[in-house]
N, C-alpha and C. Protein backbone atom coordinates (compact mmCIF):
# COMPACT_ATOMS: atom_id res chain seq x y z
N MET A 1 -1.94 -30.76 24.71
CA MET A 1 -1.64 -30.65 23.57
C MET A 1 -3.28 -30.32 22.75
N PHE A 2 -3.90 -29.27 21.97
CA PHE A 2 -5.05 -29.15 21.28
C PHE A 2 -4.89 -28.73 19.92
N THR A 3 -5.80 -28.41 19.19
CA THR A 3 -5.21 -28.63 17.94
C THR A 3 -6.25 -27.29 17.23
N GLY A 4 -6.81 -25.77 18.42
CA GLY A 4 -7.10 -24.97 18.36
C GLY A 4 -8.75 -25.04 17.32
N LEU A 5 -9.57 -26.31 17.48
CA LEU A 5 -11.08 -26.23 16.75
C LEU A 5 -11.66 -26.60 18.00
N ILE A 6 -12.70 -25.25 18.26
CA ILE A 6 -13.78 -25.47 19.12
C ILE A 6 -14.43 -26.14 19.48
N GLU A 7 -14.64 -27.23 20.52
CA GLU A 7 -15.22 -27.83 20.11
C GLU A 7 -17.00 -27.23 20.92
N GLN A 8 -17.03 -26.42 21.37
CA GLN A 8 -18.59 -25.88 21.93
C GLN A 8 -17.83 -24.55 22.58
N THR A 9 -18.64 -24.11 23.33
CA THR A 9 -18.23 -22.41 24.17
C THR A 9 -19.23 -22.69 25.48
N GLY A 10 -18.84 -22.26 26.67
CA GLY A 10 -19.00 -21.97 27.57
C GLY A 10 -19.54 -20.63 28.63
N VAL A 11 -20.28 -20.35 29.49
CA VAL A 11 -20.44 -19.16 30.24
C VAL A 11 -19.57 -19.11 31.38
N LEU A 12 -18.83 -18.39 31.76
CA LEU A 12 -17.86 -17.68 32.24
C LEU A 12 -18.90 -17.72 33.77
N THR A 13 -19.12 -18.12 34.49
CA THR A 13 -19.99 -17.88 35.95
C THR A 13 -19.45 -18.15 37.24
N GLY A 14 -18.27 -18.10 37.35
CA GLY A 14 -17.87 -17.48 38.64
C GLY A 14 -16.30 -18.12 38.59
N ARG A 15 -15.54 -16.95 39.35
CA ARG A 15 -14.19 -16.81 39.49
C ARG A 15 -13.92 -16.61 41.15
N SER A 16 -13.51 -16.57 41.84
CA SER A 16 -12.24 -16.65 42.72
C SER A 16 -11.17 -16.45 42.98
N CYS A 17 -10.44 -16.10 44.05
CA CYS A 17 -9.27 -15.62 43.92
C CYS A 17 -8.66 -15.56 45.63
N ILE A 18 -7.53 -17.19 45.02
CA ILE A 18 -7.35 -17.24 47.06
C ILE A 18 -5.32 -16.64 46.90
N GLY A 19 -5.28 -15.54 47.35
CA GLY A 19 -4.20 -14.99 47.24
C GLY A 19 -3.87 -14.79 45.76
N GLY A 20 -2.78 -14.78 44.75
CA GLY A 20 -2.74 -14.30 43.24
C GLY A 20 -3.63 -15.59 42.72
N ALA A 21 -3.68 -16.77 43.55
CA ALA A 21 -4.44 -17.94 42.06
C ALA A 21 -6.11 -17.99 42.63
N GLY A 22 -6.51 -18.83 41.97
CA GLY A 22 -7.92 -18.82 42.55
C GLY A 22 -8.40 -19.69 41.16
N LYS A 23 -9.90 -20.05 41.46
CA LYS A 23 -11.13 -20.64 40.69
C LYS A 23 -11.73 -20.41 40.24
N LEU A 24 -11.56 -21.22 38.78
CA LEU A 24 -12.53 -20.58 37.52
C LEU A 24 -13.74 -21.74 37.59
N PHE A 25 -14.99 -21.30 36.86
CA PHE A 25 -16.10 -22.01 37.18
C PHE A 25 -16.99 -21.80 35.44
N VAL A 26 -16.84 -22.62 34.91
CA VAL A 26 -17.55 -22.36 33.75
C VAL A 26 -18.88 -23.78 33.75
N ARG A 27 -19.56 -22.85 32.72
CA ARG A 27 -21.49 -23.92 32.16
C ARG A 27 -20.92 -24.43 30.84
N PRO A 28 -20.36 -25.09 30.75
CA PRO A 28 -20.37 -25.48 29.28
C PRO A 28 -21.83 -25.38 28.71
N GLY A 29 -21.62 -25.66 26.85
CA GLY A 29 -23.20 -24.90 26.09
C GLY A 29 -23.71 -26.26 26.00
N ARG A 30 -22.90 -27.60 26.21
CA ARG A 30 -23.08 -28.77 26.22
C ARG A 30 -22.69 -29.71 27.20
N GLU A 31 -23.57 -30.77 27.45
CA GLU A 31 -23.28 -31.54 28.97
C GLU A 31 -21.87 -32.52 28.48
N PHE A 32 -20.48 -32.62 28.98
CA PHE A 32 -18.73 -32.97 29.11
C PHE A 32 -19.58 -34.49 28.77
N ASP A 33 -18.86 -35.18 27.95
CA ASP A 33 -19.01 -36.75 27.73
C ASP A 33 -18.06 -37.02 28.70
N GLN A 34 -18.25 -38.15 29.52
CA GLN A 34 -17.20 -38.82 30.44
C GLN A 34 -16.06 -38.05 30.98
N PRO A 35 -16.32 -36.61 31.74
CA PRO A 35 -15.15 -36.19 32.04
C PRO A 35 -14.45 -36.69 33.26
N GLU A 36 -13.20 -36.49 33.23
CA GLU A 36 -12.22 -36.66 33.92
C GLU A 36 -11.77 -36.26 34.97
N PHE A 37 -11.61 -36.48 35.75
CA PHE A 37 -10.57 -35.43 36.92
C PHE A 37 -9.14 -35.82 36.55
N GLY A 38 -8.63 -34.68 36.15
CA GLY A 38 -7.27 -34.15 35.87
C GLY A 38 -7.04 -33.71 34.12
N GLU A 39 -7.67 -33.83 33.35
CA GLU A 39 -7.64 -34.07 32.25
C GLU A 39 -7.77 -32.28 31.92
N SER A 40 -7.00 -32.43 30.82
CA SER A 40 -6.70 -31.20 30.32
C SER A 40 -7.77 -30.12 29.09
N VAL A 41 -8.69 -29.00 29.56
CA VAL A 41 -9.32 -28.72 29.10
C VAL A 41 -8.71 -27.15 28.13
N ALA A 42 -8.59 -26.83 27.32
CA ALA A 42 -8.48 -25.57 26.77
C ALA A 42 -9.35 -24.44 27.08
N VAL A 43 -9.64 -23.74 28.09
CA VAL A 43 -10.32 -22.26 28.18
C VAL A 43 -9.89 -21.27 27.76
N ASN A 44 -10.67 -20.36 26.32
CA ASN A 44 -10.14 -19.68 25.44
C ASN A 44 -8.94 -19.60 25.67
N GLY A 45 -8.55 -20.66 25.10
CA GLY A 45 -6.41 -21.17 24.61
C GLY A 45 -5.80 -21.43 26.27
N VAL A 46 -6.27 -21.56 26.96
CA VAL A 46 -5.13 -21.68 28.21
C VAL A 46 -5.96 -23.15 28.70
N CYS A 47 -4.28 -23.59 28.54
CA CYS A 47 -4.37 -25.23 29.04
C CYS A 47 -4.91 -25.44 30.60
N LEU A 48 -6.19 -25.62 31.11
CA LEU A 48 -6.29 -26.28 32.11
C LEU A 48 -6.46 -27.23 32.90
N THR A 49 -6.36 -27.42 34.49
CA THR A 49 -6.49 -28.89 34.31
C THR A 49 -8.02 -28.58 35.14
N LEU A 50 -8.89 -29.86 34.83
CA LEU A 50 -10.19 -30.26 35.24
C LEU A 50 -10.29 -31.12 37.44
N GLU A 51 -10.68 -30.30 37.79
CA GLU A 51 -10.80 -30.61 39.04
C GLU A 51 -12.08 -31.05 39.53
N ARG A 52 -13.05 -30.71 38.91
CA ARG A 52 -14.98 -31.00 39.50
C ARG A 52 -15.60 -30.54 38.57
N TYR A 53 -16.35 -31.43 38.27
CA TYR A 53 -17.80 -31.21 37.34
C TYR A 53 -19.02 -31.54 37.61
N GLU A 54 -19.44 -30.99 38.48
CA GLU A 54 -20.55 -30.85 39.29
C GLU A 54 -21.71 -30.22 39.01
N ASN A 55 -23.03 -30.63 39.12
CA ASN A 55 -23.90 -29.72 38.83
C ASN A 55 -24.09 -29.37 36.98
N GLY A 56 -23.78 -29.36 36.53
CA GLY A 56 -23.28 -28.86 35.06
C GLY A 56 -21.75 -27.79 34.63
N ILE A 57 -21.51 -27.93 36.24
CA ILE A 57 -20.29 -27.09 36.33
C ILE A 57 -18.78 -27.09 36.34
N LEU A 58 -17.79 -26.94 35.54
CA LEU A 58 -16.48 -27.34 35.41
C LEU A 58 -15.73 -26.35 36.03
N GLU A 59 -14.62 -26.68 37.30
CA GLU A 59 -14.32 -26.48 37.97
C GLU A 59 -13.03 -26.57 37.90
N PHE A 60 -12.40 -24.99 37.80
CA PHE A 60 -10.19 -25.58 37.53
C PHE A 60 -9.69 -24.71 38.16
N HIS A 61 -8.68 -24.87 38.87
CA HIS A 61 -7.82 -24.18 39.46
C HIS A 61 -6.37 -23.40 38.68
N THR A 62 -6.69 -22.10 39.33
CA THR A 62 -6.05 -21.13 37.72
C THR A 62 -5.29 -20.77 39.17
N LEU A 63 -3.85 -21.21 38.37
CA LEU A 63 -2.26 -19.83 38.78
C LEU A 63 -1.96 -18.13 38.74
N GLU A 64 -1.55 -18.01 39.64
CA GLU A 64 -1.35 -16.80 39.90
C GLU A 64 -0.68 -15.91 37.85
N GLU A 65 0.26 -17.05 37.55
CA GLU A 65 0.97 -16.34 35.72
C GLU A 65 -0.35 -16.62 35.52
N THR A 66 -1.42 -17.69 35.37
CA THR A 66 -1.76 -17.56 34.53
C THR A 66 -2.88 -17.04 34.55
N LEU A 67 -3.58 -15.86 35.85
CA LEU A 67 -4.63 -14.63 35.86
C LEU A 67 -3.66 -13.93 35.15
N LYS A 68 -2.74 -13.43 35.20
CA LYS A 68 -1.89 -12.03 35.07
C LYS A 68 -1.40 -11.79 33.67
N ARG A 69 -1.53 -13.15 32.98
CA ARG A 69 -1.20 -13.60 31.30
C ARG A 69 -1.81 -13.67 30.15
N THR A 70 -3.24 -14.11 30.73
CA THR A 70 -4.46 -14.32 30.21
C THR A 70 -5.31 -13.78 29.85
N ASN A 71 -6.16 -13.88 29.01
CA ASN A 71 -8.07 -12.43 30.01
C ASN A 71 -8.32 -13.55 30.75
N LEU A 72 -8.26 -14.44 31.27
CA LEU A 72 -8.99 -14.82 32.44
C LEU A 72 -9.20 -14.61 33.58
N GLY A 73 -8.27 -13.58 33.81
CA GLY A 73 -8.51 -13.09 35.33
C GLY A 73 -9.32 -11.61 35.22
N ASN A 74 -9.49 -11.25 34.07
CA ASN A 74 -10.42 -9.85 34.03
C ASN A 74 -11.63 -10.36 33.13
N LEU A 75 -11.62 -11.16 32.19
CA LEU A 75 -13.14 -11.58 31.74
C LEU A 75 -14.01 -11.26 32.33
N ALA A 76 -15.35 -10.33 32.05
CA ALA A 76 -16.56 -10.52 32.60
C ALA A 76 -16.98 -11.97 33.15
N LEU A 77 -18.09 -11.99 33.91
CA LEU A 77 -18.65 -13.21 34.43
C LEU A 77 -19.92 -13.18 33.75
N GLY A 78 -20.66 -14.29 32.81
CA GLY A 78 -20.90 -13.71 31.96
C GLY A 78 -20.85 -14.35 30.70
N SER A 79 -19.30 -13.96 30.52
CA SER A 79 -18.76 -14.16 29.22
C SER A 79 -19.11 -14.88 28.79
N LEU A 80 -19.03 -15.56 27.28
CA LEU A 80 -18.78 -16.21 26.28
C LEU A 80 -17.41 -17.28 26.69
N VAL A 81 -16.82 -18.29 26.73
CA VAL A 81 -15.45 -18.76 26.24
C VAL A 81 -15.80 -19.73 25.11
N ASN A 82 -14.32 -19.92 24.91
CA ASN A 82 -14.03 -21.83 23.97
C ASN A 82 -13.80 -22.35 25.05
N LEU A 83 -14.48 -23.72 24.23
CA LEU A 83 -13.99 -25.13 25.12
C LEU A 83 -13.30 -26.14 24.46
N GLU A 84 -12.12 -26.35 24.61
CA GLU A 84 -11.45 -27.23 23.27
C GLU A 84 -10.92 -28.87 24.73
N ARG A 85 -11.54 -30.18 24.28
CA ARG A 85 -10.75 -31.09 25.09
C ARG A 85 -9.23 -31.45 24.54
N ALA A 86 -8.39 -31.57 25.32
CA ALA A 86 -7.17 -32.55 24.74
C ALA A 86 -7.75 -33.27 23.88
N LEU A 87 -6.31 -32.85 22.86
CA LEU A 87 -6.17 -34.15 21.43
C LEU A 87 -6.36 -35.36 21.94
N LYS A 88 -6.96 -36.46 21.51
CA LYS A 88 -6.80 -38.04 21.23
C LYS A 88 -5.81 -38.12 19.91
N VAL A 89 -5.09 -39.06 20.83
CA VAL A 89 -3.55 -39.66 19.74
C VAL A 89 -4.61 -40.95 19.05
N GLY A 90 -4.34 -40.87 17.50
CA GLY A 90 -5.01 -41.17 16.59
C GLY A 90 -6.28 -40.47 16.13
N ALA A 91 -6.56 -38.96 16.62
CA ALA A 91 -7.31 -37.99 15.96
C ALA A 91 -7.26 -37.70 14.91
N ARG A 92 -7.89 -36.68 13.51
CA ARG A 92 -7.91 -36.01 12.90
C ARG A 92 -6.67 -35.15 13.42
N VAL A 93 -5.96 -34.70 12.59
CA VAL A 93 -5.59 -32.95 13.32
C VAL A 93 -5.56 -32.07 12.30
N GLY A 94 -6.76 -31.40 12.50
CA GLY A 94 -6.96 -29.91 11.84
C GLY A 94 -6.29 -29.17 12.43
N GLY A 95 -6.89 -27.82 11.48
CA GLY A 95 -6.23 -26.08 12.80
C GLY A 95 -5.17 -26.80 12.54
N HIS A 96 -4.05 -26.45 13.63
CA HIS A 96 -2.62 -26.64 13.86
C HIS A 96 -1.82 -27.16 15.45
N PHE A 97 -0.99 -27.65 15.91
CA PHE A 97 -1.20 -28.07 16.82
C PHE A 97 -0.79 -27.11 17.90
N VAL A 98 -1.42 -26.48 19.42
CA VAL A 98 -1.71 -25.43 20.31
C VAL A 98 -1.17 -26.56 21.40
N SER A 99 -0.77 -25.62 22.30
CA SER A 99 0.06 -26.17 23.56
C SER A 99 -0.78 -25.71 24.66
N GLY A 100 -1.64 -24.82 24.23
CA GLY A 100 -2.22 -24.13 25.95
C GLY A 100 -1.86 -22.92 26.60
N HIS A 101 -0.69 -22.70 25.88
CA HIS A 101 0.48 -21.66 26.34
C HIS A 101 0.13 -20.54 26.49
N VAL A 102 -0.28 -19.68 27.36
CA VAL A 102 -0.43 -18.09 25.88
C VAL A 102 0.20 -17.06 26.05
N ASP A 103 1.00 -16.84 25.01
CA ASP A 103 2.00 -15.67 24.99
C ASP A 103 1.63 -14.63 25.44
N GLY A 104 0.23 -14.02 25.82
CA GLY A 104 -0.17 -12.61 26.12
C GLY A 104 -1.03 -12.52 25.20
N THR A 105 -2.29 -11.18 25.57
CA THR A 105 -2.37 -11.13 25.32
C THR A 105 -2.71 -9.39 24.18
N GLY A 106 -3.93 -9.78 23.13
CA GLY A 106 -4.01 -8.17 22.51
C GLY A 106 -5.08 -7.51 22.18
N ARG A 107 -5.35 -6.79 22.22
CA ARG A 107 -6.82 -6.26 22.06
C ARG A 107 -7.50 -6.27 20.49
N VAL A 108 -8.93 -6.09 20.48
CA VAL A 108 -9.58 -6.19 18.96
C VAL A 108 -9.15 -5.18 18.35
N LEU A 109 -8.73 -4.69 17.72
CA LEU A 109 -8.68 -3.53 16.48
C LEU A 109 -9.46 -3.23 15.84
N GLY A 110 -10.89 -4.68 15.49
CA GLY A 110 -11.69 -4.41 14.27
C GLY A 110 -12.38 -4.95 13.93
N LEU A 111 -13.36 -5.43 13.72
CA LEU A 111 -13.96 -6.84 13.64
C LEU A 111 -14.86 -6.92 12.32
N GLU A 112 -14.54 -6.52 11.22
CA GLU A 112 -15.12 -5.33 10.07
C GLU A 112 -14.59 -7.06 8.56
N LYS A 113 -16.72 -6.52 7.64
CA LYS A 113 -16.67 -6.80 6.28
C LYS A 113 -15.38 -6.03 5.06
N GLU A 114 -14.70 -7.04 4.73
CA GLU A 114 -14.37 -7.10 3.79
C GLU A 114 -14.42 -7.69 2.42
N GLY A 115 -15.05 -6.91 1.29
CA GLY A 115 -15.65 -7.86 0.55
C GLY A 115 -16.50 -8.82 0.91
N GLY A 116 -16.59 -10.82 0.56
CA GLY A 116 -16.69 -11.36 0.63
C GLY A 116 -16.30 -11.66 2.81
N ASP A 117 -15.77 -11.57 3.35
CA ASP A 117 -14.95 -11.98 4.37
C ASP A 117 -15.37 -11.34 5.00
N ILE A 118 -15.15 -11.70 6.41
CA ILE A 118 -15.18 -11.21 7.88
C ILE A 118 -13.39 -11.44 8.70
N CYS A 119 -12.84 -10.00 8.57
CA CYS A 119 -11.95 -10.36 9.34
C CYS A 119 -11.30 -9.34 10.77
N LEU A 120 -11.02 -10.67 11.21
CA LEU A 120 -10.33 -9.64 12.50
C LEU A 120 -9.04 -9.37 12.64
N LYS A 121 -8.99 -8.00 13.19
CA LYS A 121 -7.83 -7.39 13.37
C LYS A 121 -7.36 -6.93 14.74
N VAL A 122 -6.62 -7.83 15.08
CA VAL A 122 -6.12 -7.95 16.59
C VAL A 122 -4.30 -7.45 16.85
N GLU A 123 -4.25 -6.31 18.12
CA GLU A 123 -3.48 -5.64 18.39
C GLU A 123 -2.11 -6.68 18.27
N LEU A 124 -0.71 -5.97 18.21
CA LEU A 124 0.43 -7.16 18.41
C LEU A 124 0.98 -7.03 19.28
N PRO A 125 1.27 -7.24 20.56
CA PRO A 125 1.75 -7.19 22.10
C PRO A 125 3.51 -7.21 21.07
N GLU A 126 4.38 -6.99 22.11
CA GLU A 126 5.75 -6.43 21.76
C GLU A 126 6.21 -7.59 21.48
N ASN A 127 5.85 -8.60 22.80
CA ASN A 127 6.63 -9.97 23.30
C ASN A 127 5.96 -10.54 21.85
N LEU A 128 5.34 -10.41 20.50
CA LEU A 128 5.45 -11.56 19.29
C LEU A 128 5.89 -10.85 18.40
N ARG A 129 6.62 -9.62 18.27
CA ARG A 129 6.83 -9.11 17.34
C ARG A 129 8.31 -9.75 16.91
N GLY A 130 8.68 -9.35 15.12
CA GLY A 130 9.82 -10.01 15.29
C GLY A 130 9.85 -11.43 14.75
N GLY A 131 9.53 -11.36 14.01
CA GLY A 131 9.56 -12.79 13.43
C GLY A 131 8.57 -14.08 14.02
N TYR A 132 7.95 -13.95 14.91
CA TYR A 132 6.80 -15.12 16.01
C TYR A 132 5.90 -15.59 14.68
N LEU A 133 5.22 -14.15 13.88
CA LEU A 133 3.84 -14.68 12.98
C LEU A 133 4.72 -14.02 11.28
N VAL A 134 4.07 -14.90 10.75
CA VAL A 134 4.18 -15.20 9.19
C VAL A 134 3.03 -15.25 8.37
N GLU A 135 3.27 -14.11 7.22
CA GLU A 135 1.51 -14.37 6.69
C GLU A 135 1.26 -15.98 6.43
N LYS A 136 0.26 -16.37 6.48
CA LYS A 136 0.00 -17.39 5.70
C LYS A 136 0.01 -18.48 7.33
N GLY A 137 1.51 -18.07 8.12
CA GLY A 137 1.26 -19.10 9.39
C GLY A 137 -0.18 -19.18 10.23
N SER A 138 0.07 -19.86 11.13
CA SER A 138 -1.01 -19.99 12.00
C SER A 138 -1.26 -19.14 13.37
N ILE A 139 -1.93 -18.95 14.68
CA ILE A 139 -1.83 -17.97 15.43
C ILE A 139 -3.54 -18.44 16.23
N ALA A 140 -3.25 -18.88 17.23
CA ALA A 140 -4.43 -19.19 18.07
C ALA A 140 -4.87 -17.29 18.89
N VAL A 141 -6.35 -17.54 18.77
CA VAL A 141 -7.01 -16.55 19.41
C VAL A 141 -8.36 -17.09 20.08
N ASP A 142 -7.74 -16.62 21.21
CA ASP A 142 -8.89 -17.48 22.27
C ASP A 142 -8.71 -18.84 22.27
N GLY A 143 -7.95 -19.14 21.66
CA GLY A 143 -7.81 -20.97 21.74
C GLY A 143 -8.27 -21.55 20.24
N VAL A 144 -9.01 -20.38 19.62
CA VAL A 144 -8.90 -20.46 17.96
C VAL A 144 -7.64 -20.92 16.93
N SER A 145 -7.74 -21.96 15.97
CA SER A 145 -6.87 -22.47 15.31
C SER A 145 -7.26 -21.02 13.57
N LEU A 146 -6.47 -20.00 13.20
CA LEU A 146 -6.22 -19.58 12.82
C LEU A 146 -4.78 -18.84 11.50
N THR A 147 -5.66 -18.78 10.08
CA THR A 147 -4.49 -18.59 9.59
C THR A 147 -4.02 -16.59 9.23
N LEU A 148 -2.84 -16.53 9.43
CA LEU A 148 -2.80 -15.25 9.38
C LEU A 148 -2.55 -14.55 7.60
N ILE A 149 -3.42 -13.52 7.70
CA ILE A 149 -3.87 -13.30 6.03
C ILE A 149 -2.77 -11.79 6.44
N GLU A 150 -2.74 -11.18 7.31
CA GLU A 150 -1.46 -10.06 7.33
C GLU A 150 -0.90 -9.97 8.89
N VAL A 151 0.45 -9.58 8.56
CA VAL A 151 1.04 -9.13 9.78
C VAL A 151 1.54 -7.76 9.33
N GLY A 152 1.14 -6.84 10.52
CA GLY A 152 1.71 -5.47 10.33
C GLY A 152 3.00 -5.26 12.01
N GLU A 153 3.66 -4.03 11.64
CA GLU A 153 4.81 -3.98 12.83
C GLU A 153 4.14 -4.05 14.45
N GLU A 154 2.90 -3.61 13.79
CA GLU A 154 1.77 -3.66 15.47
C GLU A 154 0.67 -4.51 15.31
N TYR A 155 0.32 -4.97 14.87
CA TYR A 155 -0.89 -5.61 14.76
C TYR A 155 -1.19 -6.69 13.87
N PHE A 156 -2.20 -7.84 13.87
CA PHE A 156 -2.34 -8.83 12.81
C PHE A 156 -3.69 -9.05 12.17
N ARG A 157 -3.91 -9.53 11.14
CA ARG A 157 -5.29 -9.96 10.70
C ARG A 157 -5.54 -11.01 10.37
N VAL A 158 -6.72 -11.16 10.62
CA VAL A 158 -7.14 -13.75 10.30
C VAL A 158 -8.48 -12.47 9.61
N GLY A 159 -9.12 -14.20 8.84
CA GLY A 159 -10.45 -13.98 8.06
C GLY A 159 -10.95 -15.42 9.45
N LEU A 160 -12.21 -15.02 9.17
CA LEU A 160 -13.12 -16.04 10.26
C LEU A 160 -14.29 -16.22 8.96
N ILE A 161 -14.51 -17.84 9.32
CA ILE A 161 -15.31 -18.55 8.32
C ILE A 161 -16.36 -18.14 9.08
N PRO A 162 -17.70 -18.62 8.25
CA PRO A 162 -19.07 -18.46 9.19
C PRO A 162 -19.03 -18.91 10.47
N VAL A 163 -18.54 -20.75 10.42
CA VAL A 163 -18.38 -21.70 11.28
C VAL A 163 -17.57 -21.13 12.84
N THR A 164 -17.13 -20.38 12.16
CA THR A 164 -16.06 -19.77 13.36
C THR A 164 -17.00 -18.66 14.36
N LEU A 165 -17.41 -17.80 13.27
CA LEU A 165 -18.41 -16.82 14.27
C LEU A 165 -19.37 -17.53 14.62
N GLU A 166 -19.80 -18.94 14.33
CA GLU A 166 -21.36 -19.11 14.56
C GLU A 166 -21.20 -20.07 15.87
N GLU A 167 -19.40 -20.71 15.66
CA GLU A 167 -19.67 -21.88 16.95
C GLU A 167 -18.93 -21.54 18.37
N THR A 168 -17.87 -20.18 17.78
CA THR A 168 -17.17 -19.95 18.91
C THR A 168 -17.31 -18.56 19.31
N ALA A 169 -16.91 -18.40 20.74
CA ALA A 169 -17.11 -16.98 20.99
C ALA A 169 -16.24 -15.36 20.58
N LEU A 170 -15.98 -15.47 19.30
CA LEU A 170 -14.52 -14.38 19.02
C LEU A 170 -15.60 -13.71 18.25
N CYS A 171 -17.24 -14.10 18.18
CA CYS A 171 -18.22 -13.45 17.46
C CYS A 171 -18.55 -12.02 18.59
N ARG A 172 -18.38 -12.32 19.67
CA ARG A 172 -18.55 -11.34 21.13
C ARG A 172 -17.20 -11.00 21.21
N ARG A 173 -16.38 -10.66 20.34
CA ARG A 173 -15.29 -10.40 20.85
C ARG A 173 -15.12 -8.97 20.25
N GLY A 174 -15.26 -7.42 21.21
CA GLY A 174 -16.13 -5.65 20.15
C GLY A 174 -14.63 -6.07 20.38
N VAL A 175 -14.61 -3.99 19.99
CA VAL A 175 -13.27 -3.64 19.33
C VAL A 175 -12.73 -3.37 21.40
N GLY A 176 -11.54 -3.24 21.72
CA GLY A 176 -11.23 -3.16 22.95
C GLY A 176 -11.14 -3.89 23.78
N VAL A 177 -11.77 -5.42 23.44
CA VAL A 177 -11.45 -6.60 24.15
C VAL A 177 -10.56 -7.39 24.39
N GLU A 178 -9.67 -8.06 25.16
CA GLU A 178 -8.64 -8.51 25.16
C GLU A 178 -9.17 -9.62 24.63
N VAL A 179 -7.85 -10.74 23.87
CA VAL A 179 -8.02 -11.44 23.74
C VAL A 179 -6.83 -12.44 23.85
N ASN A 180 -6.76 -13.91 23.90
CA ASN A 180 -5.66 -14.42 24.11
C ASN A 180 -4.91 -14.56 22.93
N LEU A 181 -3.83 -15.16 23.31
CA LEU A 181 -2.66 -15.18 21.62
C LEU A 181 -1.75 -16.24 22.19
N GLU A 182 -1.24 -17.29 21.07
CA GLU A 182 -0.74 -18.09 21.02
C GLU A 182 -0.06 -18.21 19.79
N SER A 183 1.34 -17.62 19.71
CA SER A 183 2.07 -18.14 18.11
C SER A 183 2.30 -19.56 18.07
N ASP A 184 2.69 -19.85 16.77
CA ASP A 184 3.08 -21.68 16.19
C ASP A 184 3.95 -21.57 17.03
N LEU A 185 4.18 -22.44 18.00
CA LEU A 185 4.60 -24.00 18.84
C LEU A 185 5.80 -23.71 18.16
N LEU A 186 5.84 -24.39 16.53
CA LEU A 186 6.95 -24.52 15.93
C LEU A 186 7.96 -23.04 15.57
N GLY A 187 7.32 -22.34 15.23
CA GLY A 187 7.77 -20.91 15.03
C GLY A 187 8.79 -20.68 16.18
N LYS A 188 7.88 -21.17 17.82
CA LYS A 188 9.01 -20.08 18.59
C LYS A 188 10.31 -21.28 18.81
N TYR A 189 10.36 -22.49 18.82
CA TYR A 189 11.25 -22.86 19.14
C TYR A 189 12.72 -23.11 18.14
N VAL A 190 11.87 -22.59 16.95
CA VAL A 190 13.16 -22.42 16.19
C VAL A 190 14.03 -20.99 16.39
N ILE A 191 12.67 -19.43 16.48
CA ILE A 191 13.18 -18.58 16.92
C ILE A 191 14.84 -18.88 18.42
N GLY A 192 13.74 -19.54 19.11
CA GLY A 192 14.92 -19.93 20.62
C GLY A 192 15.98 -20.81 20.32
N GLN A 193 15.88 -21.63 19.41
CA GLN A 193 16.91 -22.14 18.74
C GLN A 193 18.00 -21.52 17.86
N LEU A 194 17.27 -20.35 17.56
CA LEU A 194 18.73 -19.32 16.02
C LEU A 194 19.02 -18.47 17.33
N ARG A 195 18.65 -18.15 18.70
CA ARG A 195 19.28 -17.03 19.20
C ARG A 195 20.19 -17.61 20.58
N CYS A 196 19.82 -18.79 20.36
CA CYS A 196 20.85 -19.64 21.10
C CYS A 196 21.89 -19.54 20.02
N CYS A 197 21.90 -19.99 18.53
CA CYS A 197 22.94 -20.08 18.04
C CYS A 197 23.95 -18.90 17.96
N ASN A 198 22.83 -17.88 17.69
CA ASN A 198 23.11 -15.99 17.01
C ASN A 198 24.56 -15.83 18.54
N ASN A 199 24.10 -16.92 20.33
CA ASN A 199 24.86 -16.05 20.99
C ASN A 199 26.53 -17.09 20.94
N LYS A 200 26.95 -17.30 19.93
CA LYS A 200 28.33 -19.00 20.05
C LYS A 200 28.53 -17.97 18.42
N SER A 201 29.86 -17.77 18.76
CA SER A 201 30.07 -17.04 17.83
C SER A 201 30.81 -18.37 16.38
N ALA A 202 30.88 -19.67 16.96
CA ALA A 202 31.03 -20.56 16.08
C ALA A 202 30.00 -20.88 15.01
N SER A 203 29.08 -20.35 15.07
CA SER A 203 27.41 -20.61 14.33
C SER A 203 27.74 -19.72 13.07
N ARG A 204 27.46 -19.97 11.83
CA ARG A 204 27.02 -19.41 10.86
C ARG A 204 25.90 -19.04 10.22
N VAL A 205 24.99 -19.93 11.06
CA VAL A 205 23.36 -19.51 10.78
C VAL A 205 22.91 -18.56 11.83
N THR A 206 22.40 -17.57 11.22
CA THR A 206 21.80 -16.07 11.99
C THR A 206 20.37 -15.99 11.42
N MET A 207 19.65 -15.33 12.36
CA MET A 207 18.11 -14.81 11.83
C MET A 207 17.87 -14.05 10.51
N ASP A 208 19.44 -13.22 10.31
CA ASP A 208 19.31 -12.66 9.31
C ASP A 208 19.42 -13.65 7.65
N LEU A 209 20.20 -14.18 7.77
CA LEU A 209 20.88 -15.89 6.94
C LEU A 209 19.24 -16.27 6.57
N LEU A 210 18.26 -16.68 7.64
CA LEU A 210 17.22 -17.29 7.27
C LEU A 210 16.01 -16.58 6.96
N SER A 211 16.31 -15.09 7.23
CA SER A 211 15.12 -14.85 6.38
C SER A 211 15.34 -14.05 5.42
N GLU A 212 16.43 -14.35 4.70
CA GLU A 212 16.83 -13.96 3.40
C GLU A 212 16.92 -15.09 2.81
N ALA A 213 16.24 -15.99 3.74
CA ALA A 213 16.17 -17.28 2.95
C ALA A 213 14.55 -17.69 2.33
N GLY A 214 13.52 -16.53 2.91
CA GLY A 214 12.44 -16.73 3.44
C GLY A 214 11.67 -17.97 4.18
N PHE A 215 12.74 -17.82 5.22
CA PHE A 215 12.10 -18.48 6.48
C PHE A 215 10.70 -18.10 7.65
N LEU A 216 11.41 -16.81 7.38
CA LEU A 216 10.68 -15.93 8.81
C LEU A 216 9.85 -14.84 7.99
N GLY A 217 9.59 -14.72 7.04
CA GLY A 217 8.76 -13.81 6.13
C GLY A 217 9.76 -12.43 6.27
N ASP A 218 8.86 -11.07 5.90
CA ASP A 218 8.94 -10.11 5.77
C ASP A 218 9.49 -9.12 7.04
């Protein structure tokens, strides 16, 4: 489990494929403190298991599913990636709960200054439409916990504060670049349960009922 508060960035230095799966190699910007074999590290918001840390390089095994569903399969070597180690029990929980299980990717549509704010506009993939995102709710973009300021039918917008621009890789994501997206974990469970209930004729709780009550946003 992660929080979406990026600890540092790293550089994607290598990727090798073995059948559909492969290996991913990342050089962190700062030395990892007491790395542990088998620990979870979010790389661009993707939960990966650390297999080796040698000569300043983090090595991870990547499943075929991971390479297909996220941007780690086609991100250019030399690209900057976001890194976050797993949340420790008892630590402060900033951001929001992020599982590291990416729902899909969306293309960056714009990164522009609006008044005094910097706003990132991202394509909304079809599998995340229909109530998964709500204004003022949370979303992880390349592992960064962000607050939604607008949700359209085919896009969403988030605001980026100076710390996010300075300390994460989002400032390097130009128009057309794919970013990893993970919708709010609690929201996914709610929608899943509602869809299950809607298949049971005895249930009086429906998606329309909750929408009318304001739980699913506009």
